[in-house]
């Protein structure tokens, strides 16, 4: 029993000393490479971006909504305050889905994306645009809406809204956005 106690104590001492060496090594590498670019740290893309923003702000901590409003009112002038009304995964997924189209509006604060007119090379007298609105700060299935608007050009070169129902295309687009947003969420967490 005494030998078992000595063995356990030795393992505990060695483990603690290795942790101390690890922390010292991390601090040394942080000084050499910078806190965000330390090769021993495995940061997700989102964590890396937050770390770089923190570096640019002089090392001050980003405001966390869970920490309460006192920090917002007592913040010093170098502190970054980040607040978003839209879900960032839904936003990133929406941008990814519309990546192949020219964007007219991409408002990350309001959560609005609108493409410019999209023309089909086979039928130049028809054009469509896509509107996407992020309406939630949570990653939920009803946190995004889409709208297809299509027009046809008549004989007088006037664009007139077509009367087609694009609800199935809108649903498919929402499902694609949710699928990508879910993947982004899983890679960040």
N, C-alpha and C. Protein backbone atom coordinates (compact mmCIF):
# COMPACT_ATOMS: atom_id res chain seq x y z
N UNK A 1 0.82 -1.19 0.00
CA UNK A 1 0.00 0.00 0.00
C UNK A 1 0.86 1.26 0.00
N UNK A 2 1.96 1.19 0.79
CA UNK A 2 2.87 2.34 0.87
C UNK A 2 3.51 2.60 -0.49
N UNK A 3 3.89 1.52 -1.21
CA UNK A 3 4.50 1.67 -2.54
C UNK A 3 3.51 2.29 -3.53
N UNK A 4 2.25 1.90 -3.42
CA UNK A 4 1.22 2.46 -4.30
C UNK A 4 1.05 3.96 -4.05
N UNK A 5 1.08 4.37 -2.79
CA UNK A 5 0.98 5.79 -2.44
C UNK A 5 2.17 6.58 -2.98
N UNK A 6 3.37 6.02 -2.87
CA UNK A 6 4.59 6.68 -3.38
C UNK A 6 4.51 6.80 -4.90
N UNK A 7 4.08 5.73 -5.57
CA UNK A 7 3.95 5.76 -7.03
C UNK A 7 2.94 6.83 -7.46
N UNK A 8 1.79 6.89 -6.79
CA UNK A 8 0.77 7.90 -7.12
C UNK A 8 1.31 9.32 -6.91
N UNK A 9 2.05 9.54 -5.83
CA UNK A 9 2.63 10.85 -5.54
C UNK A 9 3.65 11.23 -6.60
N UNK A 10 4.48 10.29 -7.03
CA UNK A 10 5.46 10.56 -8.08
C UNK A 10 4.77 10.95 -9.39
N UNK A 11 3.74 10.22 -9.76
CA UNK A 11 2.99 10.52 -10.99
C UNK A 11 2.39 11.92 -10.91
N UNK A 12 1.86 12.28 -9.78
CA UNK A 12 1.26 13.60 -9.58
C UNK A 12 2.31 14.70 -9.70
N UNK A 13 3.48 14.50 -9.11
CA UNK A 13 4.56 15.51 -9.16
C UNK A 13 5.07 15.66 -10.59
N UNK A 14 5.30 14.55 -11.28
CA UNK A 14 5.78 14.60 -12.66
C UNK A 14 4.74 15.27 -13.55
N UNK A 15 3.49 14.92 -13.36
CA UNK A 15 2.42 15.53 -14.16
C UNK A 15 2.34 17.02 -13.95
N UNK A 16 2.46 17.47 -12.72
CA UNK A 16 2.39 18.91 -12.44
C UNK A 16 3.60 19.64 -12.99
N UNK A 17 4.78 19.01 -12.91
CA UNK A 17 5.96 19.69 -13.43
C UNK A 17 5.90 19.79 -14.95
N UNK A 18 5.36 18.77 -15.62
CA UNK A 18 5.21 18.84 -17.07
C UNK A 18 4.22 19.93 -17.46
N UNK A 19 3.14 20.11 -16.70
CA UNK A 19 2.17 21.16 -16.98
C UNK A 19 2.82 22.53 -16.87
N UNK A 20 3.68 22.68 -15.89
CA UNK A 20 4.40 23.94 -15.70
C UNK A 20 5.32 24.20 -16.89
N UNK A 21 6.03 23.16 -17.34
CA UNK A 21 6.91 23.30 -18.51
C UNK A 21 6.09 23.63 -19.74
N UNK A 22 4.93 23.00 -19.89
CA UNK A 22 4.06 23.26 -21.03
C UNK A 22 3.62 24.72 -21.05
N UNK A 23 3.20 25.22 -19.88
CA UNK A 23 2.77 26.62 -19.80
C UNK A 23 3.91 27.57 -20.11
N UNK A 24 5.11 27.26 -19.60
CA UNK A 24 6.28 28.10 -19.89
C UNK A 24 6.60 28.09 -21.38
N UNK A 25 6.51 26.91 -21.99
CA UNK A 25 6.77 26.79 -23.42
C UNK A 25 5.73 27.57 -24.23
N UNK A 26 4.46 27.49 -23.82
CA UNK A 26 3.40 28.24 -24.51
C UNK A 26 3.65 29.74 -24.42
N UNK A 27 4.06 30.23 -23.24
CA UNK A 27 4.34 31.65 -23.07
C UNK A 27 5.50 32.08 -23.96
N UNK A 28 6.54 31.24 -24.01
CA UNK A 28 7.71 31.56 -24.83
C UNK A 28 7.31 31.61 -26.32
N UNK A 29 6.52 30.64 -26.78
CA UNK A 29 6.09 30.63 -28.17
C UNK A 29 5.12 31.78 -28.47
N UNK A 30 4.32 32.17 -27.49
CA UNK A 30 3.44 33.33 -27.67
C UNK A 30 4.28 34.58 -27.92
N UNK A 31 5.41 34.71 -27.23
CA UNK A 31 6.28 35.87 -27.41
C UNK A 31 6.95 35.84 -28.77
N UNK A 32 7.33 34.64 -29.23
CA UNK A 32 8.03 34.52 -30.51
C UNK A 32 7.07 34.72 -31.69
N UNK A 33 5.93 34.01 -31.67
CA UNK A 33 5.03 34.01 -32.82
C UNK A 33 3.83 34.95 -32.66
N UNK A 34 3.55 35.34 -31.44
CA UNK A 34 2.32 36.08 -31.17
C UNK A 34 1.28 35.11 -30.64
N UNK A 35 0.40 35.61 -29.82
CA UNK A 35 -0.58 34.75 -29.16
C UNK A 35 -1.48 34.02 -30.14
N UNK A 36 -1.84 34.67 -31.24
CA UNK A 36 -2.78 34.07 -32.20
C UNK A 36 -2.11 33.09 -33.17
N UNK A 37 -0.83 33.31 -33.46
CA UNK A 37 -0.13 32.51 -34.47
C UNK A 37 0.79 31.46 -33.86
N UNK A 38 0.66 31.21 -32.58
CA UNK A 38 1.45 30.18 -31.90
C UNK A 38 1.14 28.83 -32.53
N UNK A 39 2.17 28.12 -33.06
CA UNK A 39 1.90 26.85 -33.75
C UNK A 39 1.37 25.75 -32.85
N UNK A 40 1.54 25.85 -31.53
CA UNK A 40 1.02 24.83 -30.63
C UNK A 40 -0.46 25.01 -30.31
N UNK A 41 -1.00 26.18 -30.63
CA UNK A 41 -2.42 26.42 -30.36
C UNK A 41 -3.23 25.99 -31.57
N UNK A 42 -4.31 25.30 -31.31
CA UNK A 42 -5.20 24.91 -32.41
C UNK A 42 -6.48 25.72 -32.27
N UNK A 43 -6.53 26.83 -32.99
CA UNK A 43 -7.68 27.72 -32.94
C UNK A 43 -8.55 27.50 -34.17
N UNK A 44 -9.87 27.52 -33.97
CA UNK A 44 -10.77 27.48 -35.11
C UNK A 44 -10.66 28.81 -35.84
N UNK A 45 -11.23 28.89 -37.01
CA UNK A 45 -11.18 30.12 -37.79
C UNK A 45 -11.80 31.28 -37.01
N UNK A 46 -12.94 31.03 -36.37
CA UNK A 46 -13.63 32.07 -35.60
C UNK A 46 -12.78 32.50 -34.41
N UNK A 47 -12.19 31.53 -33.68
CA UNK A 47 -11.34 31.86 -32.53
C UNK A 47 -10.12 32.66 -32.98
N UNK A 48 -9.55 32.31 -34.15
CA UNK A 48 -8.40 33.03 -34.67
C UNK A 48 -8.77 34.48 -34.99
N UNK A 49 -9.92 34.69 -35.62
CA UNK A 49 -10.35 36.05 -35.96
C UNK A 49 -10.59 36.87 -34.70
N UNK A 50 -11.17 36.27 -33.68
CA UNK A 50 -11.40 36.97 -32.41
C UNK A 50 -10.07 37.31 -31.77
N UNK A 51 -9.13 36.37 -31.80
CA UNK A 51 -7.81 36.60 -31.22
C UNK A 51 -7.10 37.75 -31.93
N UNK A 52 -7.16 37.78 -33.26
CA UNK A 52 -6.51 38.86 -34.02
C UNK A 52 -7.17 40.21 -33.73
N UNK A 53 -8.49 40.23 -33.59
CA UNK A 53 -9.19 41.47 -33.26
C UNK A 53 -8.77 41.95 -31.87
N UNK A 54 -8.61 41.02 -30.97
CA UNK A 54 -8.16 41.33 -29.61
C UNK A 54 -6.75 41.91 -29.63
N UNK A 55 -5.88 41.32 -30.47
CA UNK A 55 -4.52 41.83 -30.64
C UNK A 55 -4.53 43.26 -31.15
N UNK A 56 -5.36 43.52 -32.18
CA UNK A 56 -5.44 44.87 -32.76
C UNK A 56 -5.97 45.89 -31.76
N UNK A 57 -6.75 45.43 -30.79
CA UNK A 57 -7.31 46.33 -29.79
C UNK A 57 -6.37 46.51 -28.61
N UNK A 58 -5.16 46.06 -28.74
CA UNK A 58 -4.21 46.25 -27.66
C UNK A 58 -4.34 45.21 -26.57
N UNK A 59 -4.89 44.04 -26.89
CA UNK A 59 -4.98 42.96 -25.92
C UNK A 59 -6.17 43.04 -24.99
N UNK A 60 -7.05 43.98 -25.21
CA UNK A 60 -8.22 44.09 -24.33
C UNK A 60 -9.21 42.99 -24.65
N UNK A 61 -9.97 42.59 -23.68
CA UNK A 61 -10.95 41.52 -23.84
C UNK A 61 -12.16 42.01 -24.59
N UNK A 62 -12.66 41.16 -25.47
CA UNK A 62 -13.89 41.48 -26.18
C UNK A 62 -15.07 41.44 -25.23
N UNK A 63 -16.05 42.28 -25.45
CA UNK A 63 -17.25 42.31 -24.62
C UNK A 63 -18.06 41.04 -24.86
N UNK A 64 -18.43 40.41 -23.81
CA UNK A 64 -19.24 39.19 -23.88
C UNK A 64 -20.61 39.52 -23.28
N UNK A 65 -21.66 39.28 -24.03
CA UNK A 65 -23.00 39.63 -23.56
C UNK A 65 -23.35 38.96 -22.25
N UNK A 66 -22.80 37.78 -22.00
CA UNK A 66 -23.11 37.06 -20.77
C UNK A 66 -22.48 37.71 -19.55
N UNK A 67 -21.49 38.55 -19.73
CA UNK A 67 -20.82 39.18 -18.60
C UNK A 67 -21.60 40.36 -18.05
N UNK A 68 -22.65 40.75 -18.71
CA UNK A 68 -23.51 41.81 -18.19
C UNK A 68 -23.25 43.15 -18.83
N UNK A 69 -24.17 44.05 -18.61
CA UNK A 69 -24.09 45.38 -19.20
C UNK A 69 -23.12 46.30 -18.47
N UNK A 70 -22.67 45.95 -17.25
CA UNK A 70 -21.76 46.84 -16.52
C UNK A 70 -20.51 47.09 -17.34
N UNK A 71 -20.00 46.06 -18.02
CA UNK A 71 -18.78 46.24 -18.80
C UNK A 71 -18.99 47.23 -19.93
N UNK A 72 -20.17 47.24 -20.50
CA UNK A 72 -20.44 48.17 -21.58
C UNK A 72 -20.37 49.60 -21.10
N UNK A 73 -20.95 49.88 -19.92
CA UNK A 73 -20.98 51.23 -19.41
C UNK A 73 -19.68 51.63 -18.72
N UNK A 74 -18.90 50.65 -18.26
CA UNK A 74 -17.64 50.93 -17.58
C UNK A 74 -16.44 50.63 -18.45
N UNK A 75 -16.65 50.44 -19.74
CA UNK A 75 -15.56 50.05 -20.63
C UNK A 75 -14.58 51.20 -20.82
N UNK A 76 -13.28 50.83 -20.86
CA UNK A 76 -12.30 51.88 -21.16
C UNK A 76 -12.27 52.11 -22.67
N UNK A 77 -11.58 53.12 -23.11
CA UNK A 77 -11.67 53.53 -24.52
C UNK A 77 -11.01 52.56 -25.49
N UNK A 78 -10.18 51.62 -25.04
CA UNK A 78 -9.54 50.67 -25.95
C UNK A 78 -10.29 49.35 -26.07
N UNK A 79 -11.39 49.21 -25.38
CA UNK A 79 -12.12 47.94 -25.38
C UNK A 79 -13.05 47.87 -26.58
N UNK A 80 -13.07 46.71 -27.21
CA UNK A 80 -13.96 46.48 -28.35
C UNK A 80 -15.28 45.96 -27.82
N UNK A 81 -16.37 46.53 -28.30
CA UNK A 81 -17.70 46.05 -27.94
C UNK A 81 -18.29 45.43 -29.19
N UNK A 82 -18.64 44.15 -29.10
CA UNK A 82 -19.20 43.44 -30.24
C UNK A 82 -20.61 43.00 -29.91
N UNK A 83 -21.52 43.38 -30.75
CA UNK A 83 -22.90 42.98 -30.57
C UNK A 83 -23.49 42.73 -31.94
N UNK A 84 -24.18 41.64 -32.09
CA UNK A 84 -24.78 41.33 -33.37
C UNK A 84 -26.21 40.86 -33.16
N UNK A 85 -27.09 41.35 -33.98
CA UNK A 85 -28.50 40.96 -33.89
C UNK A 85 -28.78 39.75 -34.77
N UNK A 86 -27.81 39.37 -35.58
CA UNK A 86 -28.03 38.24 -36.49
C UNK A 86 -27.09 37.10 -36.15
N UNK A 87 -27.47 35.90 -36.53
CA UNK A 87 -26.65 34.73 -36.31
C UNK A 87 -25.52 34.71 -37.32
N UNK A 88 -24.30 34.63 -36.84
CA UNK A 88 -23.13 34.69 -37.72
C UNK A 88 -23.00 33.46 -38.62
N UNK A 89 -23.43 32.30 -38.14
CA UNK A 89 -23.37 31.10 -38.98
C UNK A 89 -24.36 31.22 -40.14
N UNK A 90 -25.58 31.71 -39.86
CA UNK A 90 -26.55 31.92 -40.94
C UNK A 90 -26.05 32.97 -41.92
N UNK A 91 -25.40 34.00 -41.40
CA UNK A 91 -24.86 35.05 -42.27
C UNK A 91 -23.77 34.47 -43.17
N UNK A 92 -22.82 33.76 -42.59
CA UNK A 92 -21.74 33.17 -43.37
C UNK A 92 -22.24 32.20 -44.41
N UNK A 93 -23.24 31.40 -44.04
CA UNK A 93 -23.83 30.44 -44.99
C UNK A 93 -24.54 31.16 -46.13
N UNK A 94 -25.24 32.25 -45.82
CA UNK A 94 -25.95 33.01 -46.85
C UNK A 94 -24.97 33.64 -47.83
N UNK A 95 -23.87 34.17 -47.30
CA UNK A 95 -22.84 34.73 -48.18
C UNK A 95 -22.25 33.63 -49.05
N UNK A 96 -22.01 32.46 -48.47
CA UNK A 96 -21.45 31.34 -49.22
C UNK A 96 -22.39 30.90 -50.35
N UNK A 97 -23.68 30.85 -50.07
CA UNK A 97 -24.66 30.41 -51.07
C UNK A 97 -24.74 31.41 -52.23
N UNK A 98 -24.59 32.67 -51.96
CA UNK A 98 -24.69 33.70 -53.01
C UNK A 98 -23.33 34.07 -53.60
N UNK A 99 -22.32 33.27 -53.30
CA UNK A 99 -20.95 33.56 -53.72
C UNK A 99 -20.79 33.67 -55.24
N UNK A 100 -21.59 32.95 -56.01
CA UNK A 100 -21.46 32.94 -57.47
C UNK A 100 -22.21 34.09 -58.15
N UNK A 101 -22.90 34.90 -57.38
CA UNK A 101 -23.71 35.97 -57.96
C UNK A 101 -23.19 37.34 -57.52
N UNK A 102 -23.36 38.34 -58.37
CA UNK A 102 -22.97 39.69 -57.94
C UNK A 102 -23.94 40.20 -56.88
N UNK A 103 -23.39 40.74 -55.78
CA UNK A 103 -24.23 41.22 -54.70
C UNK A 103 -24.48 42.72 -54.83
N UNK A 104 -25.72 43.10 -54.64
CA UNK A 104 -26.11 44.50 -54.63
C UNK A 104 -26.05 45.04 -53.20
N UNK A 105 -26.52 44.22 -52.24
CA UNK A 105 -26.53 44.60 -50.83
C UNK A 105 -26.01 43.42 -50.02
N UNK A 106 -25.11 43.71 -49.08
CA UNK A 106 -24.64 42.71 -48.11
C UNK A 106 -24.46 43.45 -46.79
N UNK A 107 -25.53 43.58 -46.04
CA UNK A 107 -25.54 44.33 -44.78
C UNK A 107 -25.50 43.36 -43.61
N UNK A 108 -24.30 43.17 -43.04
CA UNK A 108 -24.15 42.20 -41.96
C UNK A 108 -24.79 42.67 -40.67
N UNK A 109 -24.96 43.95 -40.47
CA UNK A 109 -25.64 44.43 -39.26
C UNK A 109 -27.14 44.19 -39.32
N UNK A 110 -27.72 44.42 -40.47
CA UNK A 110 -29.16 44.22 -40.64
C UNK A 110 -29.52 42.83 -41.08
N UNK A 111 -28.52 42.06 -41.52
CA UNK A 111 -28.77 40.69 -41.94
C UNK A 111 -29.45 40.58 -43.29
N UNK A 112 -29.15 41.53 -44.19
CA UNK A 112 -29.81 41.55 -45.50
C UNK A 112 -28.79 41.31 -46.60
N UNK A 113 -29.13 40.39 -47.50
CA UNK A 113 -28.32 40.14 -48.69
C UNK A 113 -29.27 40.22 -49.88
N UNK A 114 -28.85 40.95 -50.89
CA UNK A 114 -29.63 41.01 -52.12
C UNK A 114 -28.66 40.95 -53.29
N UNK A 115 -28.93 40.03 -54.21
CA UNK A 115 -28.09 39.93 -55.40
C UNK A 115 -28.49 41.02 -56.39
N UNK A 116 -27.60 41.28 -57.30
CA UNK A 116 -27.95 42.11 -58.45
C UNK A 116 -28.79 41.23 -59.38
N UNK A 117 -29.30 41.78 -60.45
CA UNK A 117 -30.11 40.98 -61.36
C UNK A 117 -29.25 39.88 -61.96
N UNK A 118 -29.81 38.68 -62.01
CA UNK A 118 -29.13 37.50 -62.55
C UNK A 118 -29.82 37.17 -63.87
N UNK A 119 -29.03 37.15 -64.93
CA UNK A 119 -29.57 36.88 -66.27
C UNK A 119 -29.16 35.48 -66.70
N UNK A 120 -30.07 34.79 -67.39
CA UNK A 120 -29.78 33.49 -67.96
C UNK A 120 -29.27 33.72 -69.38
N UNK A 121 -28.11 33.18 -69.68
CA UNK A 121 -27.53 33.41 -71.01
C UNK A 121 -28.40 32.81 -72.12
N UNK A 122 -29.20 31.80 -71.82
CA UNK A 122 -30.07 31.19 -72.83
C UNK A 122 -31.33 32.03 -73.07
N UNK A 123 -31.74 32.84 -72.09
CA UNK A 123 -32.96 33.65 -72.22
C UNK A 123 -32.68 35.03 -71.61
N UNK A 124 -32.21 35.94 -72.43
CA UNK A 124 -31.83 37.28 -71.95
C UNK A 124 -33.03 38.18 -71.67
N UNK A 125 -34.24 37.69 -71.94
CA UNK A 125 -35.43 38.49 -71.65
C UNK A 125 -36.05 38.08 -70.32
N UNK A 126 -35.30 37.38 -69.52
CA UNK A 126 -35.75 36.99 -68.18
C UNK A 126 -34.61 37.27 -67.21
N UNK A 127 -34.96 37.82 -66.05
CA UNK A 127 -33.96 38.06 -65.03
C UNK A 127 -34.58 37.81 -63.66
N UNK A 128 -33.72 37.46 -62.71
CA UNK A 128 -34.16 37.19 -61.34
C UNK A 128 -33.17 37.78 -60.36
N UNK A 129 -33.63 38.00 -59.15
CA UNK A 129 -32.73 38.36 -58.06
C UNK A 129 -33.16 37.60 -56.83
N UNK A 130 -32.22 37.48 -55.89
CA UNK A 130 -32.46 36.73 -54.66
C UNK A 130 -32.31 37.69 -53.49
N UNK A 131 -33.28 37.64 -52.57
CA UNK A 131 -33.19 38.41 -51.34
C UNK A 131 -33.15 37.43 -50.18
N UNK A 132 -32.21 37.65 -49.26
CA UNK A 132 -32.09 36.81 -48.08
C UNK A 132 -32.09 37.73 -46.86
N UNK A 133 -32.84 37.34 -45.85
CA UNK A 133 -32.91 38.13 -44.61
C UNK A 133 -32.68 37.20 -43.44
N UNK A 134 -31.66 37.52 -42.62
CA UNK A 134 -31.41 36.77 -41.39
C UNK A 134 -32.25 37.47 -40.31
N UNK A 135 -33.15 36.74 -39.67
CA UNK A 135 -34.08 37.36 -38.73
C UNK A 135 -33.91 36.86 -37.30
N UNK A 136 -32.82 36.15 -37.04
CA UNK A 136 -32.62 35.61 -35.70
C UNK A 136 -31.15 35.69 -35.31
N UNK A 137 -30.92 35.84 -34.02
CA UNK A 137 -29.55 35.80 -33.52
C UNK A 137 -29.17 34.37 -33.15
N UNK A 138 -30.12 33.45 -33.23
CA UNK A 138 -29.87 32.04 -32.93
C UNK A 138 -29.87 31.23 -34.22
N UNK A 139 -29.17 30.12 -34.20
CA UNK A 139 -29.16 29.21 -35.35
C UNK A 139 -30.41 28.33 -35.27
N UNK A 140 -31.51 28.83 -35.86
CA UNK A 140 -32.78 28.12 -35.86
C UNK A 140 -33.30 28.05 -37.30
N UNK A 141 -34.15 27.07 -37.55
CA UNK A 141 -34.61 26.84 -38.92
C UNK A 141 -35.45 27.99 -39.47
N UNK A 142 -36.12 28.74 -38.60
CA UNK A 142 -36.91 29.88 -39.09
C UNK A 142 -36.15 31.20 -38.89
N UNK A 143 -34.83 31.12 -38.81
CA UNK A 143 -34.01 32.31 -38.60
C UNK A 143 -33.59 33.00 -39.89
N UNK A 144 -34.02 32.46 -41.03
CA UNK A 144 -33.65 33.03 -42.32
C UNK A 144 -34.85 32.95 -43.27
N UNK A 145 -35.05 33.99 -44.04
CA UNK A 145 -36.09 33.98 -45.08
C UNK A 145 -35.44 34.29 -46.43
N UNK A 146 -36.04 33.77 -47.48
CA UNK A 146 -35.53 34.03 -48.83
C UNK A 146 -36.70 34.45 -49.72
N UNK A 147 -36.35 35.17 -50.77
CA UNK A 147 -37.36 35.63 -51.71
C UNK A 147 -36.74 35.69 -53.10
N UNK A 148 -37.38 35.05 -54.06
CA UNK A 148 -36.97 35.12 -55.45
C UNK A 148 -37.87 36.12 -56.16
N UNK A 149 -37.30 37.04 -56.89
CA UNK A 149 -38.07 37.99 -57.68
C UNK A 149 -37.59 37.87 -59.12
N UNK A 150 -38.51 37.53 -60.00
CA UNK A 150 -38.17 37.34 -61.41
C UNK A 150 -39.03 38.24 -62.29
N UNK A 151 -38.44 38.67 -63.37
CA UNK A 151 -39.13 39.55 -64.32
C UNK A 151 -38.88 39.09 -65.75
N UNK A 152 -39.83 39.43 -66.61
CA UNK A 152 -39.70 39.18 -68.05
C UNK A 152 -39.73 40.52 -68.77
N UNK A 153 -38.99 40.60 -69.85
CA UNK A 153 -38.96 41.84 -70.65
C UNK A 153 -40.00 41.71 -71.77
N UNK A 154 -40.88 42.72 -71.87
CA UNK A 154 -41.91 42.67 -72.91
C UNK A 154 -41.41 43.29 -74.21
N UNK A 155 -42.29 43.43 -75.19
CA UNK A 155 -41.94 43.95 -76.51
C UNK A 155 -41.43 45.39 -76.46
N UNK A 156 -41.90 46.17 -75.47
CA UNK A 156 -41.49 47.58 -75.35
C UNK A 156 -40.25 47.74 -74.47
N UNK A 157 -39.54 46.64 -74.21
CA UNK A 157 -38.34 46.63 -73.36
C UNK A 157 -38.62 47.07 -71.93
N UNK A 158 -39.80 46.77 -71.43
CA UNK A 158 -40.18 47.07 -70.05
C UNK A 158 -40.16 45.75 -69.27
N UNK A 159 -39.53 45.80 -68.10
CA UNK A 159 -39.45 44.61 -67.26
C UNK A 159 -40.72 44.50 -66.42
N UNK A 160 -41.36 43.33 -66.48
CA UNK A 160 -42.62 43.09 -65.77
C UNK A 160 -42.45 41.83 -64.92
N UNK A 161 -42.93 41.91 -63.67
CA UNK A 161 -42.83 40.76 -62.77
C UNK A 161 -43.58 39.56 -63.36
N UNK A 162 -42.92 38.39 -63.31
CA UNK A 162 -43.63 37.21 -63.79
C UNK A 162 -44.54 36.70 -62.67
N UNK A 163 -45.45 35.85 -63.02
CA UNK A 163 -46.44 35.39 -62.04
C UNK A 163 -46.14 33.98 -61.52
N UNK A 164 -44.91 33.53 -61.67
CA UNK A 164 -44.55 32.18 -61.23
C UNK A 164 -44.36 32.13 -59.72
N UNK A 165 -44.64 30.95 -59.18
CA UNK A 165 -44.46 30.69 -57.75
C UNK A 165 -43.08 30.06 -57.54
N UNK A 166 -42.23 30.72 -56.77
CA UNK A 166 -40.87 30.23 -56.53
C UNK A 166 -40.69 29.72 -55.10
N UNK A 167 -41.78 29.32 -54.46
CA UNK A 167 -41.69 28.90 -53.06
C UNK A 167 -40.82 27.65 -52.89
N UNK A 168 -40.84 26.73 -53.85
CA UNK A 168 -40.00 25.53 -53.74
C UNK A 168 -38.52 25.90 -53.83
N UNK A 169 -38.17 26.80 -54.74
CA UNK A 169 -36.78 27.25 -54.86
C UNK A 169 -36.34 27.98 -53.60
N UNK A 170 -37.24 28.77 -53.03
CA UNK A 170 -36.93 29.49 -51.79
C UNK A 170 -36.68 28.52 -50.65
N UNK A 171 -37.50 27.45 -50.56
CA UNK A 171 -37.31 26.43 -49.52
C UNK A 171 -35.98 25.72 -49.68
N UNK A 172 -35.64 25.38 -50.94
CA UNK A 172 -34.36 24.70 -51.20
C UNK A 172 -33.18 25.59 -50.81
N UNK A 173 -33.30 26.88 -51.07
CA UNK A 173 -32.24 27.81 -50.72
C UNK A 173 -32.09 27.91 -49.19
N UNK A 174 -33.21 27.97 -48.49
CA UNK A 174 -33.18 28.02 -47.02
C UNK A 174 -32.53 26.75 -46.47
N UNK A 175 -32.89 25.59 -47.02
CA UNK A 175 -32.31 24.33 -46.55
C UNK A 175 -30.81 24.30 -46.79
N UNK A 176 -30.36 24.82 -47.93
CA UNK A 176 -28.92 24.87 -48.23
C UNK A 176 -28.21 25.80 -47.25
N UNK A 177 -28.81 26.94 -46.95
CA UNK A 177 -28.22 27.88 -45.98
C UNK A 177 -28.12 27.22 -44.62
N UNK A 178 -29.19 26.54 -44.18
CA UNK A 178 -29.18 25.87 -42.88
C UNK A 178 -28.14 24.76 -42.82
N UNK A 179 -27.98 24.05 -43.91
CA UNK A 179 -26.99 22.97 -43.96
C UNK A 179 -25.57 23.55 -43.80
N UNK A 180 -25.26 24.59 -44.53
CA UNK A 180 -23.93 25.21 -44.44
C UNK A 180 -23.73 25.84 -43.06
N UNK A 181 -24.75 26.51 -42.55
CA UNK A 181 -24.65 27.14 -41.23
C UNK A 181 -24.39 26.09 -40.15
N UNK A 182 -25.03 24.96 -40.26
CA UNK A 182 -24.81 23.88 -39.30
C UNK A 182 -23.37 23.38 -39.37
N UNK A 183 -22.84 23.26 -40.58
CA UNK A 183 -21.44 22.83 -40.75
C UNK A 183 -20.48 23.85 -40.16
N UNK A 184 -20.76 25.13 -40.38
CA UNK A 184 -19.93 26.19 -39.80
C UNK A 184 -19.97 26.12 -38.28
N UNK A 185 -21.17 25.94 -37.73
CA UNK A 185 -21.33 25.86 -36.28
C UNK A 185 -20.55 24.69 -35.69
N UNK A 186 -20.59 23.55 -36.36
CA UNK A 186 -19.88 22.36 -35.87
C UNK A 186 -18.37 22.55 -35.96
N UNK A 187 -17.88 23.25 -36.99
CA UNK A 187 -16.44 23.45 -37.11
C UNK A 187 -15.91 24.46 -36.11
N UNK A 188 -16.76 25.39 -35.68
CA UNK A 188 -16.35 26.41 -34.70
C UNK A 188 -16.35 25.81 -33.31
N UNK A 189 -17.31 24.97 -33.01
CA UNK A 189 -17.45 24.41 -31.65
C UNK A 189 -16.73 23.13 -31.50
